[in-house]
Amino acid sequence: MAPRLANHYLLTMLQPSAAFLSKARPRSVALWLFTVAGLIVAMVVIGGITRLTESGLSITQWKPISGIIPPLNDAQWQAEFDAYKRIPEYAAFNADMTVGGFKAIFFWEYLHRLWGRVIGLVFAVPLIWFAVRKRIPVGYGWRLSALLALGAFQGAIGWWMVASGLSVRTDVSHIRLAVHLLTALTILAGIVWTALDLMALHFNPLAAPARLAPVAILALALLFVQLVYGAFTAGLDAGYAFASWPLMGDGLFPADVPMVNPAWCNAVDNPIVVQFIHRWFAFAAAAGLIWLSIKATKTGSSAGFFVVGLVTLQIMLGIATLMTGVQIDVAVAHQGNAALLLIAAMFAAHAVGTAPRITRGYNNTRQETGGKLDLKPPFQH
């Protein structure tokens, strides 16, 4: 009976597994996700330009469908301009603006919103196609659906942000701006991580999703805080407070800074304190990212080198942004590079969270001991 039993298990082992018979195409799905990630990076850049050109409040209504079509004649342009004239920003800063000047700021906000719709279509339509054709590997459908839902919610967050500047205030809430930017970057990070998991599955049908190692959690948490303060700095126009480095005025922290009560609010609402935190917390975030890059390099991944290069460039761009008085091209490069740094950090974190192992199946090892067949349990992720 022993030889017959052994033959049975041998034949079972030789049968192709479900992973090899599946219609799933992880590589195709991953390449599509990397394309979406590229569009999101462009969106971050466009968002930065929109903010820096004070264009974000030029469209005062949220029309998810009909808003795709811009004004097409003089009467429609005048109607949009008249709507803009009714908000506080116009009276405070742009009372002498002409229709031509309005068209210039309208362009960036319109492009920002249009690009968001393009990303939505580029994500949703292929996702449906992949799902119908059963090209999505088992276990990834829910993750992709969650990313799509978060992307749709991002549109609502964007309008929630804009609405904060349409009455009483002359600009948008810096807290809502931070929520909007960090949601976009969270989507970007989730898309890149999922794409990397899928590429691993393409090269090894038994591969399981990577895990976030403690060093990656710490590094990404530090980066998250720094990104929040970057958004606060932009939303409060805190970058204009001091155009010098490393001192702020005559010291590391300027004297006689007006403070607000309660004291903790200064870390959120006081432009000078926010700029100070953003300046120096950058080095804590950099230290965490460099530690992560060292760990990634030890796995054989080159992502760590990109992390070090991009974090160095990011600090240099941050200093240059201050010293140029927030010159728009430098400031936009600073924001765009932040998105690239996040992508590189996700690559490094994924490398650290991936280890050689056999998953999603049984590794039946035959050992003859005293004439008996010993079946080893599967190795699990």
Foldseek 3Di string as FASTA:
>chain_A
DLVVVVVVVVVVVPDDDPLVVALADLLVLLVLLVVLLVLLLVLLLLVLLLLVVVLQQLAPDDDLPVLLDQDDDPVRLVVSVVLSCQFPLCVVPPVVPDSVNSVVSPVSNSVSSNSLVVSLCSLPVVLVVCVVSRRHDPPCNVLSVVLSVLSVVLSVLSSVQNNQRRYPHNHGDLQSQLVSVVSSLVSSLSSLQSSVQSVVCNVPVQGDRFDQDPLLVVLVVLLSVLSSLVSLLSRQVLLLQALDPDPRPPHNQDPPQDADPPRVCCCRRPSSNSVSCSLPSLVVSLVSLLVLLVLLVVLVDPLSVVLNVLSVVLNVLSSVCSNVSNDPVSVSVNSSSSSVNSSSSSVSSRSNRDDDDGHDDADFDFDQDVNHTDGDGRTYD
